[in-house]
Amino acid sequence: ISSDHLIGLGRNADMQGNVDGLQLSLFDVSDMTNPTRIANTIIGSGWSSYSSAAYNHKAFQYFAPLNLLSIPVFQWNYNNTTSKYTYFSTASLFNITTSSITEVAAIDHLPFTTNEEDPHYWYSYAPVRRTVFIGDGTDYYIYTISGKGILVNKADDFSILSSLTLTENYSYWYNE
């Protein structure tokens, strides 16, 4: 955001080491000997919340003209009532200023995910991999990309403008 601020992504945990989701933090590093956390937000819960941006800088996308940060977020939740897992895959978007972090949208790639009757169900979820911001100074667009599809959203209201479903060949996994 500026030469005096740093954005960090990691795991939130209590003093006993129990993990409670991802943590996105904003630090004031104007005094490098005494960095101070200004703001933070918790994303998801437990170990089932995950982001490839935690280990791959290419998945972490900050777009300064709109003060927007995009990170892919994946989460598996177990439903005790149905005894099934529910999967979420989004490009989570945050407005970041020099004093705050606010989640403003989550662009969902779940529509690209196949249903449970698909024999490749556990291998066919659609984790968001990358986000690209494109604009001309007036109009801005957000492209989110997963292995199953591409979505184009308007950056001002996050509405979907276009989508493209990608086909995937599973034969290399199953030797078909």
N, C-alpha and C. Protein backbone atom coordinates (compact mmCIF):
# COMPACT_ATOMS: atom_id res chain seq x y z
N ILE A 1 0.83 -1.18 0.00
CA ILE A 1 0.00 0.00 0.00
C ILE A 1 0.88 1.25 0.00
N SER A 2 1.88 1.24 0.85
CA SER A 2 2.83 2.35 0.89
C SER A 2 4.16 1.81 1.40
N SER A 3 5.17 2.66 1.40
CA SER A 3 6.48 2.22 1.88
C SER A 3 6.49 1.98 3.39
N ASP A 4 5.46 2.46 4.09
CA ASP A 4 5.37 2.29 5.55
C ASP A 4 4.39 1.21 5.99
N HIS A 5 3.81 0.47 5.02
CA HIS A 5 2.80 -0.53 5.37
C HIS A 5 3.10 -1.85 4.67
N LEU A 6 2.75 -2.93 5.36
CA LEU A 6 2.99 -4.28 4.87
C LEU A 6 1.75 -5.12 5.13
N ILE A 7 1.35 -5.91 4.13
CA ILE A 7 0.21 -6.82 4.27
C ILE A 7 0.78 -8.22 4.49
N GLY A 8 0.25 -8.94 5.48
CA GLY A 8 0.70 -10.30 5.75
C GLY A 8 -0.46 -11.27 5.76
N LEU A 9 -0.20 -12.50 5.33
CA LEU A 9 -1.21 -13.55 5.34
C LEU A 9 -0.62 -14.77 6.02
N GLY A 10 -1.34 -15.32 6.96
CA GLY A 10 -0.88 -16.52 7.66
C GLY A 10 -2.04 -17.19 8.36
N ARG A 11 -1.74 -17.95 9.39
CA ARG A 11 -2.75 -18.66 10.17
C ARG A 11 -3.03 -17.92 11.47
N ASN A 12 -4.28 -17.89 11.87
CA ASN A 12 -4.64 -17.37 13.17
C ASN A 12 -4.63 -18.54 14.15
N ALA A 13 -4.10 -18.33 15.33
CA ALA A 13 -4.05 -19.41 16.33
C ALA A 13 -4.09 -18.80 17.72
N ASP A 14 -4.55 -19.60 18.69
CA ASP A 14 -4.53 -19.14 20.07
C ASP A 14 -3.19 -19.48 20.70
N MET A 15 -3.03 -19.15 21.95
CA MET A 15 -1.75 -19.35 22.65
C MET A 15 -1.39 -20.83 22.79
N GLN A 16 -2.37 -21.73 22.67
CA GLN A 16 -2.10 -23.16 22.73
C GLN A 16 -1.80 -23.75 21.35
N GLY A 17 -1.87 -22.92 20.31
CA GLY A 17 -1.57 -23.38 18.97
C GLY A 17 -2.76 -23.91 18.21
N ASN A 18 -3.97 -23.76 18.74
CA ASN A 18 -5.17 -24.19 18.03
C ASN A 18 -5.45 -23.21 16.90
N VAL A 19 -5.52 -23.73 15.69
CA VAL A 19 -5.69 -22.90 14.50
C VAL A 19 -7.16 -22.53 14.32
N ASP A 20 -7.39 -21.25 14.02
CA ASP A 20 -8.75 -20.75 13.80
C ASP A 20 -8.79 -19.95 12.50
N GLY A 21 -8.51 -20.57 11.39
CA GLY A 21 -8.63 -19.92 10.09
C GLY A 21 -7.39 -19.17 9.65
N LEU A 22 -7.56 -18.48 8.53
CA LEU A 22 -6.50 -17.64 7.98
C LEU A 22 -6.57 -16.27 8.63
N GLN A 23 -5.44 -15.58 8.69
CA GLN A 23 -5.41 -14.23 9.22
C GLN A 23 -4.73 -13.31 8.21
N LEU A 24 -5.43 -12.26 7.84
CA LEU A 24 -4.89 -11.23 6.97
C LEU A 24 -4.61 -10.03 7.86
N SER A 25 -3.37 -9.53 7.85
CA SER A 25 -2.96 -8.46 8.75
C SER A 25 -2.33 -7.30 7.99
N LEU A 26 -2.46 -6.12 8.56
CA LEU A 26 -1.85 -4.91 8.04
C LEU A 26 -0.91 -4.38 9.11
N PHE A 27 0.34 -4.14 8.71
CA PHE A 27 1.37 -3.68 9.65
C PHE A 27 1.89 -2.30 9.26
N ASP A 28 2.17 -1.49 10.28
CA ASP A 28 2.90 -0.23 10.10
C ASP A 28 4.37 -0.57 10.32
N VAL A 29 5.17 -0.41 9.28
CA VAL A 29 6.59 -0.73 9.36
C VAL A 29 7.45 0.52 9.19
N SER A 30 6.87 1.68 9.53
CA SER A 30 7.64 2.93 9.42
C SER A 30 8.85 2.91 10.35
N ASP A 31 8.73 2.20 11.47
CA ASP A 31 9.88 1.96 12.35
C ASP A 31 10.19 0.47 12.24
N MET A 32 11.17 0.12 11.43
CA MET A 32 11.47 -1.29 11.16
C MET A 32 11.89 -2.06 12.41
N THR A 33 12.32 -1.38 13.45
CA THR A 33 12.70 -2.05 14.69
C THR A 33 11.49 -2.32 15.57
N ASN A 34 10.34 -1.74 15.20
CA ASN A 34 9.14 -1.92 16.00
C ASN A 34 7.89 -1.95 15.11
N PRO A 35 7.73 -2.99 14.28
CA PRO A 35 6.54 -3.07 13.42
C PRO A 35 5.29 -3.22 14.30
N THR A 36 4.21 -2.58 13.88
CA THR A 36 2.98 -2.60 14.66
C THR A 36 1.83 -3.09 13.79
N ARG A 37 1.07 -4.05 14.31
CA ARG A 37 -0.11 -4.49 13.58
C ARG A 37 -1.21 -3.46 13.77
N ILE A 38 -1.72 -2.94 12.66
CA ILE A 38 -2.76 -1.91 12.69
C ILE A 38 -4.15 -2.54 12.61
N ALA A 39 -4.29 -3.54 11.76
CA ALA A 39 -5.60 -4.16 11.54
C ALA A 39 -5.41 -5.61 11.15
N ASN A 40 -6.43 -6.40 11.38
CA ASN A 40 -6.43 -7.78 10.91
C ASN A 40 -7.86 -8.27 10.76
N THR A 41 -8.01 -9.34 10.01
CA THR A 41 -9.29 -10.00 9.86
C THR A 41 -9.06 -11.49 9.76
N ILE A 42 -9.99 -12.28 10.29
CA ILE A 42 -9.92 -13.74 10.25
C ILE A 42 -10.81 -14.23 9.12
N ILE A 43 -10.28 -15.16 8.32
CA ILE A 43 -10.99 -15.70 7.18
C ILE A 43 -11.23 -17.19 7.43
N GLY A 44 -12.48 -17.60 7.47
CA GLY A 44 -12.81 -19.00 7.68
C GLY A 44 -12.53 -19.45 9.10
N SER A 45 -12.42 -20.77 9.27
CA SER A 45 -12.15 -21.32 10.60
C SER A 45 -11.37 -22.62 10.49
N GLY A 46 -10.53 -22.86 11.46
CA GLY A 46 -9.79 -24.11 11.55
C GLY A 46 -8.85 -24.37 10.38
N TRP A 47 -8.37 -25.61 10.33
CA TRP A 47 -7.43 -26.02 9.28
C TRP A 47 -8.09 -26.16 7.92
N SER A 48 -9.43 -26.22 7.88
CA SER A 48 -10.09 -26.41 6.58
C SER A 48 -10.08 -25.15 5.73
N SER A 49 -9.72 -24.01 6.29
CA SER A 49 -9.57 -22.77 5.52
C SER A 49 -8.14 -22.71 4.99
N TYR A 50 -8.02 -22.38 3.72
CA TYR A 50 -6.72 -22.50 3.07
C TYR A 50 -6.61 -21.46 1.96
N SER A 51 -5.42 -20.98 1.70
CA SER A 51 -5.18 -20.10 0.57
C SER A 51 -3.81 -20.37 -0.01
N SER A 52 -3.75 -20.52 -1.33
CA SER A 52 -2.46 -20.72 -1.98
C SER A 52 -1.61 -19.44 -1.90
N ALA A 53 -2.23 -18.31 -1.57
CA ALA A 53 -1.47 -17.07 -1.41
C ALA A 53 -0.56 -17.12 -0.18
N ALA A 54 -0.80 -18.08 0.71
CA ALA A 54 0.05 -18.22 1.89
C ALA A 54 1.45 -18.74 1.52
N TYR A 55 1.58 -19.38 0.36
CA TYR A 55 2.89 -19.90 -0.05
C TYR A 55 3.28 -19.51 -1.47
N ASN A 56 2.37 -18.90 -2.21
CA ASN A 56 2.66 -18.55 -3.60
C ASN A 56 2.32 -17.08 -3.83
N HIS A 57 3.34 -16.26 -3.97
CA HIS A 57 3.12 -14.82 -4.11
C HIS A 57 2.31 -14.45 -5.35
N LYS A 58 2.28 -15.32 -6.35
CA LYS A 58 1.51 -15.03 -7.56
C LYS A 58 0.00 -15.09 -7.31
N ALA A 59 -0.42 -15.75 -6.26
CA ALA A 59 -1.84 -15.84 -5.93
C ALA A 59 -2.30 -14.62 -5.12
N PHE A 60 -1.37 -13.82 -4.66
CA PHE A 60 -1.63 -12.63 -3.85
C PHE A 60 -1.63 -11.43 -4.79
N GLN A 61 -2.79 -10.78 -4.98
CA GLN A 61 -2.89 -9.72 -5.98
C GLN A 61 -3.45 -8.44 -5.37
N TYR A 62 -2.61 -7.41 -5.27
CA TYR A 62 -3.06 -6.11 -4.77
C TYR A 62 -3.14 -5.15 -5.95
N PHE A 63 -4.29 -4.46 -6.06
CA PHE A 63 -4.51 -3.51 -7.14
C PHE A 63 -4.68 -2.12 -6.55
N ALA A 64 -3.61 -1.33 -6.58
CA ALA A 64 -3.55 -0.02 -5.92
C ALA A 64 -4.62 0.98 -6.39
N PRO A 65 -4.94 1.08 -7.69
CA PRO A 65 -5.93 2.08 -8.09
C PRO A 65 -7.29 1.94 -7.38
N LEU A 66 -7.63 0.73 -6.96
CA LEU A 66 -8.91 0.50 -6.27
C LEU A 66 -8.72 0.10 -4.81
N ASN A 67 -7.48 0.08 -4.33
CA ASN A 67 -7.18 -0.39 -2.96
C ASN A 67 -7.74 -1.78 -2.70
N LEU A 68 -7.72 -2.63 -3.70
CA LEU A 68 -8.29 -3.97 -3.57
C LEU A 68 -7.20 -5.04 -3.51
N LEU A 69 -7.37 -5.95 -2.58
CA LEU A 69 -6.52 -7.13 -2.48
C LEU A 69 -7.39 -8.34 -2.78
N SER A 70 -6.89 -9.25 -3.60
CA SER A 70 -7.59 -10.49 -3.88
C SER A 70 -6.70 -11.66 -3.48
N ILE A 71 -7.29 -12.59 -2.72
CA ILE A 71 -6.60 -13.85 -2.41
C ILE A 71 -7.58 -14.99 -2.63
N PRO A 72 -7.09 -16.11 -3.15
CA PRO A 72 -7.97 -17.27 -3.27
C PRO A 72 -8.20 -17.89 -1.88
N VAL A 73 -9.44 -18.26 -1.61
CA VAL A 73 -9.76 -18.92 -0.34
C VAL A 73 -10.52 -20.20 -0.65
N PHE A 74 -10.06 -21.29 -0.07
CA PHE A 74 -10.71 -22.59 -0.21
C PHE A 74 -11.11 -23.05 1.19
N GLN A 75 -12.27 -23.70 1.28
CA GLN A 75 -12.67 -24.21 2.58
C GLN A 75 -13.58 -25.42 2.42
N TRP A 76 -13.28 -26.44 3.19
CA TRP A 76 -14.13 -27.62 3.29
C TRP A 76 -14.83 -27.55 4.64
N ASN A 77 -16.15 -27.70 4.65
CA ASN A 77 -16.90 -27.74 5.91
C ASN A 77 -17.67 -29.04 5.97
N TYR A 78 -17.61 -29.71 7.11
CA TYR A 78 -18.34 -30.96 7.30
C TYR A 78 -19.69 -30.64 7.94
N ASN A 79 -20.76 -31.17 7.35
CA ASN A 79 -22.11 -30.98 7.86
C ASN A 79 -22.50 -32.24 8.63
N ASN A 80 -22.65 -32.12 9.92
CA ASN A 80 -23.00 -33.28 10.75
C ASN A 80 -24.38 -33.82 10.43
N THR A 81 -25.29 -32.98 9.98
CA THR A 81 -26.65 -33.41 9.67
C THR A 81 -26.68 -34.29 8.42
N THR A 82 -25.98 -33.87 7.37
CA THR A 82 -26.00 -34.62 6.11
C THR A 82 -24.84 -35.60 5.99
N SER A 83 -23.87 -35.51 6.89
CA SER A 83 -22.65 -36.33 6.84
C SER A 83 -21.89 -36.14 5.53
N LYS A 84 -21.92 -34.92 5.02
CA LYS A 84 -21.22 -34.62 3.78
C LYS A 84 -20.39 -33.35 3.96
N TYR A 85 -19.39 -33.23 3.10
CA TYR A 85 -18.56 -32.03 3.08
C TYR A 85 -19.13 -31.02 2.09
N THR A 86 -19.01 -29.76 2.42
CA THR A 86 -19.37 -28.67 1.52
C THR A 86 -18.08 -27.94 1.19
N TYR A 87 -17.91 -27.64 -0.08
CA TYR A 87 -16.68 -27.00 -0.54
C TYR A 87 -16.97 -25.57 -0.97
N PHE A 88 -16.10 -24.64 -0.61
CA PHE A 88 -16.20 -23.25 -1.04
C PHE A 88 -14.88 -22.87 -1.72
N SER A 89 -14.97 -22.17 -2.82
CA SER A 89 -13.78 -21.65 -3.50
C SER A 89 -14.10 -20.26 -4.00
N THR A 90 -13.42 -19.27 -3.44
CA THR A 90 -13.69 -17.90 -3.83
C THR A 90 -12.39 -17.13 -4.06
N ALA A 91 -12.52 -16.04 -4.79
CA ALA A 91 -11.50 -15.00 -4.78
C ALA A 91 -12.04 -13.99 -3.79
N SER A 92 -11.47 -13.95 -2.60
CA SER A 92 -11.93 -13.02 -1.57
C SER A 92 -11.28 -11.67 -1.79
N LEU A 93 -12.11 -10.63 -1.82
CA LEU A 93 -11.64 -9.28 -2.12
C LEU A 93 -11.75 -8.40 -0.88
N PHE A 94 -10.67 -7.68 -0.61
CA PHE A 94 -10.59 -6.82 0.57
C PHE A 94 -10.20 -5.42 0.16
N ASN A 95 -10.88 -4.42 0.75
CA ASN A 95 -10.47 -3.04 0.61
C ASN A 95 -9.44 -2.79 1.69
N ILE A 96 -8.25 -2.34 1.28
CA ILE A 96 -7.17 -2.12 2.24
C ILE A 96 -6.76 -0.66 2.18
N THR A 97 -6.81 -0.01 3.34
CA THR A 97 -6.33 1.37 3.47
C THR A 97 -5.14 1.34 4.43
N THR A 98 -4.59 2.48 4.73
CA THR A 98 -3.46 2.52 5.67
C THR A 98 -3.89 2.28 7.11
N SER A 99 -5.21 2.13 7.34
CA SER A 99 -5.68 1.90 8.71
C SER A 99 -6.69 0.77 8.86
N SER A 100 -7.10 0.14 7.76
CA SER A 100 -8.15 -0.88 7.89
C SER A 100 -8.11 -1.94 6.80
N ILE A 101 -8.75 -3.05 7.11
CA ILE A 101 -8.98 -4.15 6.17
C ILE A 101 -10.47 -4.46 6.22
N THR A 102 -11.14 -4.41 5.07
CA THR A 102 -12.57 -4.70 5.02
C THR A 102 -12.85 -5.65 3.88
N GLU A 103 -13.46 -6.79 4.17
CA GLU A 103 -13.85 -7.71 3.09
C GLU A 103 -15.04 -7.09 2.36
N VAL A 104 -14.92 -6.97 1.03
CA VAL A 104 -15.98 -6.32 0.25
C VAL A 104 -16.73 -7.28 -0.67
N ALA A 105 -16.13 -8.40 -1.01
CA ALA A 105 -16.80 -9.35 -1.91
C ALA A 105 -16.06 -10.68 -1.90
N ALA A 106 -16.75 -11.70 -2.37
CA ALA A 106 -16.15 -13.01 -2.60
C ALA A 106 -16.69 -13.51 -3.93
N ILE A 107 -15.83 -13.62 -4.90
CA ILE A 107 -16.24 -14.09 -6.23
C ILE A 107 -16.16 -15.61 -6.21
N ASP A 108 -17.31 -16.23 -6.38
CA ASP A 108 -17.50 -17.66 -6.15
C ASP A 108 -17.30 -18.47 -7.43
N HIS A 109 -16.44 -19.48 -7.38
CA HIS A 109 -16.26 -20.39 -8.52
C HIS A 109 -16.99 -21.72 -8.31
N LEU A 110 -17.82 -21.80 -7.29
CA LEU A 110 -18.56 -23.02 -7.03
C LEU A 110 -19.45 -23.45 -8.20
N PRO A 111 -20.04 -22.51 -8.97
CA PRO A 111 -20.84 -22.96 -10.11
C PRO A 111 -20.07 -23.81 -11.12
N PHE A 112 -18.75 -23.70 -11.14
CA PHE A 112 -17.95 -24.53 -12.04
C PHE A 112 -17.71 -25.93 -11.49
N THR A 113 -18.04 -26.16 -10.21
CA THR A 113 -17.81 -27.44 -9.57
C THR A 113 -18.88 -28.43 -9.99
N THR A 114 -18.48 -29.66 -10.22
CA THR A 114 -19.44 -30.68 -10.62
C THR A 114 -20.21 -31.19 -9.40
N ASN A 115 -21.27 -31.92 -9.65
CA ASN A 115 -22.08 -32.43 -8.53
C ASN A 115 -21.54 -33.74 -8.00
N GLU A 116 -22.15 -34.21 -6.92
CA GLU A 116 -21.64 -35.41 -6.24
C GLU A 116 -21.77 -36.69 -7.06
N GLU A 117 -22.67 -36.70 -8.05
CA GLU A 117 -22.82 -37.91 -8.86
C GLU A 117 -21.67 -38.09 -9.85
N ASP A 118 -20.92 -37.04 -10.08
CA ASP A 118 -19.78 -37.12 -10.97
C ASP A 118 -18.75 -38.07 -10.34
N PRO A 119 -18.28 -39.08 -11.07
CA PRO A 119 -17.31 -40.02 -10.49
C PRO A 119 -15.98 -39.36 -10.12
N HIS A 120 -15.72 -38.17 -10.64
CA HIS A 120 -14.48 -37.46 -10.35
C HIS A 120 -14.72 -36.32 -9.36
N TYR A 121 -15.79 -36.39 -8.59
CA TYR A 121 -16.22 -35.29 -7.73
C TYR A 121 -15.10 -34.74 -6.86
N TRP A 122 -14.38 -35.61 -6.15
CA TRP A 122 -13.36 -35.11 -5.23
C TRP A 122 -12.18 -34.49 -5.94
N TYR A 123 -12.05 -34.77 -7.23
CA TYR A 123 -10.95 -34.19 -7.99
C TYR A 123 -11.40 -33.04 -8.88
N SER A 124 -12.70 -32.74 -8.87
CA SER A 124 -13.18 -31.75 -9.83
C SER A 124 -13.62 -30.44 -9.19
N TYR A 125 -13.26 -30.20 -7.94
CA TYR A 125 -13.57 -28.90 -7.37
C TYR A 125 -12.75 -27.83 -8.10
N ALA A 126 -13.18 -26.60 -7.97
CA ALA A 126 -12.62 -25.53 -8.80
C ALA A 126 -11.92 -24.47 -7.96
N PRO A 127 -10.75 -24.77 -7.40
CA PRO A 127 -10.09 -23.74 -6.61
C PRO A 127 -9.64 -22.57 -7.48
N VAL A 128 -9.98 -21.36 -7.02
CA VAL A 128 -9.51 -20.16 -7.72
C VAL A 128 -8.00 -20.12 -7.59
N ARG A 129 -7.33 -19.89 -8.70
CA ARG A 129 -5.86 -19.87 -8.70
C ARG A 129 -5.30 -18.45 -8.80
N ARG A 130 -5.90 -17.63 -9.65
CA ARG A 130 -5.35 -16.30 -9.90
C ARG A 130 -6.47 -15.29 -10.09
N THR A 131 -6.11 -14.03 -9.83
CA THR A 131 -6.98 -12.89 -10.11
C THR A 131 -6.18 -11.88 -10.92
N VAL A 132 -6.82 -11.30 -11.91
CA VAL A 132 -6.20 -10.26 -12.72
C VAL A 132 -7.15 -9.07 -12.75
N PHE A 133 -6.62 -7.90 -12.42
CA PHE A 133 -7.40 -6.66 -12.51
C PHE A 133 -7.02 -5.96 -13.81
N ILE A 134 -8.04 -5.53 -14.56
CA ILE A 134 -7.80 -4.84 -15.82
C ILE A 134 -8.69 -3.60 -15.85
N GLY A 135 -8.12 -2.48 -16.26
CA GLY A 135 -8.91 -1.26 -16.34
C GLY A 135 -8.21 -0.18 -17.11
N ASP A 136 -8.98 0.84 -17.45
CA ASP A 136 -8.45 1.94 -18.25
C ASP A 136 -8.49 3.28 -17.52
N GLY A 137 -8.67 3.27 -16.23
CA GLY A 137 -8.78 4.51 -15.48
C GLY A 137 -10.21 4.91 -15.22
N THR A 138 -11.14 4.37 -15.98
CA THR A 138 -12.56 4.65 -15.80
C THR A 138 -13.31 3.38 -15.41
N ASP A 139 -13.18 2.36 -16.22
CA ASP A 139 -13.85 1.08 -15.97
C ASP A 139 -12.81 0.03 -15.61
N TYR A 140 -13.11 -0.75 -14.56
CA TYR A 140 -12.20 -1.80 -14.10
C TYR A 140 -12.94 -3.13 -14.05
N TYR A 141 -12.20 -4.20 -14.34
CA TYR A 141 -12.76 -5.54 -14.38
C TYR A 141 -11.87 -6.48 -13.59
N ILE A 142 -12.50 -7.49 -13.03
CA ILE A 142 -11.79 -8.50 -12.25
C ILE A 142 -11.95 -9.84 -12.95
N TYR A 143 -10.84 -10.42 -13.36
CA TYR A 143 -10.85 -11.75 -13.97
C TYR A 143 -10.37 -12.74 -12.91
N THR A 144 -11.18 -13.74 -12.62
CA THR A 144 -10.76 -14.80 -11.70
C THR A 144 -10.67 -16.10 -12.48
N ILE A 145 -9.60 -16.86 -12.19
CA ILE A 145 -9.28 -18.03 -13.00
C ILE A 145 -9.11 -19.24 -12.10
N SER A 146 -9.81 -20.32 -12.46
CA SER A 146 -9.63 -21.60 -11.79
C SER A 146 -9.40 -22.66 -12.86
N GLY A 147 -9.16 -23.89 -12.45
CA GLY A 147 -8.97 -24.96 -13.41
C GLY A 147 -10.25 -25.34 -14.14
N LYS A 148 -11.39 -24.84 -13.67
CA LYS A 148 -12.67 -25.18 -14.28
C LYS A 148 -13.33 -24.03 -15.01
N GLY A 149 -12.83 -22.79 -14.80
CA GLY A 149 -13.48 -21.69 -15.50
C GLY A 149 -12.85 -20.34 -15.24
N ILE A 150 -13.36 -19.36 -15.98
CA ILE A 150 -12.93 -17.97 -15.84
C ILE A 150 -14.18 -17.12 -15.67
N LEU A 151 -14.16 -16.24 -14.68
CA LEU A 151 -15.25 -15.29 -14.48
C LEU A 151 -14.72 -13.88 -14.70
N VAL A 152 -15.55 -13.02 -15.28
CA VAL A 152 -15.23 -11.60 -15.43
C VAL A 152 -16.31 -10.84 -14.66
N ASN A 153 -15.86 -10.05 -13.68
CA ASN A 153 -16.77 -9.26 -12.86
C ASN A 153 -16.44 -7.79 -12.98
N LYS A 154 -17.46 -6.94 -12.84
CA LYS A 154 -17.23 -5.50 -12.78
C LYS A 154 -16.63 -5.19 -11.42
N ALA A 155 -15.67 -4.31 -11.37
CA ALA A 155 -15.00 -3.99 -10.11
C ALA A 155 -15.81 -3.04 -9.24
N ASP A 156 -16.78 -2.32 -9.81
CA ASP A 156 -17.53 -1.38 -8.99
C ASP A 156 -18.65 -2.03 -8.20
N ASP A 157 -19.30 -3.07 -8.75
CA ASP A 157 -20.39 -3.73 -8.01
C ASP A 157 -20.22 -5.25 -7.96
N PHE A 158 -19.15 -5.77 -8.54
CA PHE A 158 -18.78 -7.19 -8.52
C PHE A 158 -19.77 -8.09 -9.27
N SER A 159 -20.64 -7.50 -10.08
CA SER A 159 -21.58 -8.30 -10.86
C SER A 159 -20.83 -9.06 -11.96
N ILE A 160 -21.35 -10.22 -12.31
CA ILE A 160 -20.73 -11.06 -13.34
C ILE A 160 -21.08 -10.51 -14.72
N LEU A 161 -20.05 -10.30 -15.53
CA LEU A 161 -20.23 -9.86 -16.91
C LEU A 161 -20.16 -11.03 -17.87
N SER A 162 -19.28 -11.99 -17.57
CA SER A 162 -19.08 -13.09 -18.49
C SER A 162 -18.45 -14.26 -17.75
N SER A 163 -18.67 -15.46 -18.30
CA SER A 163 -18.02 -16.64 -17.74
C SER A 163 -17.66 -17.59 -18.87
N LEU A 164 -16.65 -18.37 -18.62
CA LEU A 164 -16.20 -19.36 -19.58
C LEU A 164 -15.88 -20.63 -18.82
N THR A 165 -16.55 -21.72 -19.18
CA THR A 165 -16.27 -23.01 -18.57
C THR A 165 -15.13 -23.68 -19.32
N LEU A 166 -14.13 -24.14 -18.57
CA LEU A 166 -13.00 -24.84 -19.17
C LEU A 166 -13.21 -26.33 -19.01
N THR A 167 -12.81 -27.10 -19.99
CA THR A 167 -12.93 -28.55 -19.88
C THR A 167 -11.63 -29.08 -19.29
N GLU A 168 -11.76 -30.17 -18.58
CA GLU A 168 -10.59 -30.76 -17.94
C GLU A 168 -10.55 -32.24 -18.30
N ASN A 169 -9.38 -32.73 -18.60
CA ASN A 169 -9.19 -34.12 -18.96
C ASN A 169 -8.66 -34.88 -17.74
N TYR A 170 -9.47 -35.83 -17.23
CA TYR A 170 -9.06 -36.59 -16.06
C TYR A 170 -8.31 -37.86 -16.41
N SER A 171 -8.17 -38.18 -17.68
CA SER A 171 -7.61 -39.47 -18.07
C SER A 171 -6.19 -39.66 -17.54
N TYR A 172 -5.42 -38.59 -17.40
CA TYR A 172 -4.06 -38.76 -16.91
C TYR A 172 -4.04 -39.18 -15.44
N TRP A 173 -5.13 -38.90 -14.69
CA TRP A 173 -5.20 -39.34 -13.30
C TRP A 173 -5.60 -40.80 -13.19
N TYR A 174 -6.46 -41.23 -14.14
CA TYR A 174 -7.04 -42.57 -14.02
C TYR A 174 -6.53 -43.53 -15.08
N ASN A 175 -5.59 -43.12 -15.87
CA ASN A 175 -5.00 -43.98 -16.89
C ASN A 175 -6.05 -44.49 -17.84
N GLU A 176 -7.02 -43.65 -18.20
CA GLU A 176 -8.11 -44.06 -19.10
C GLU A 176 -7.74 -43.88 -20.55
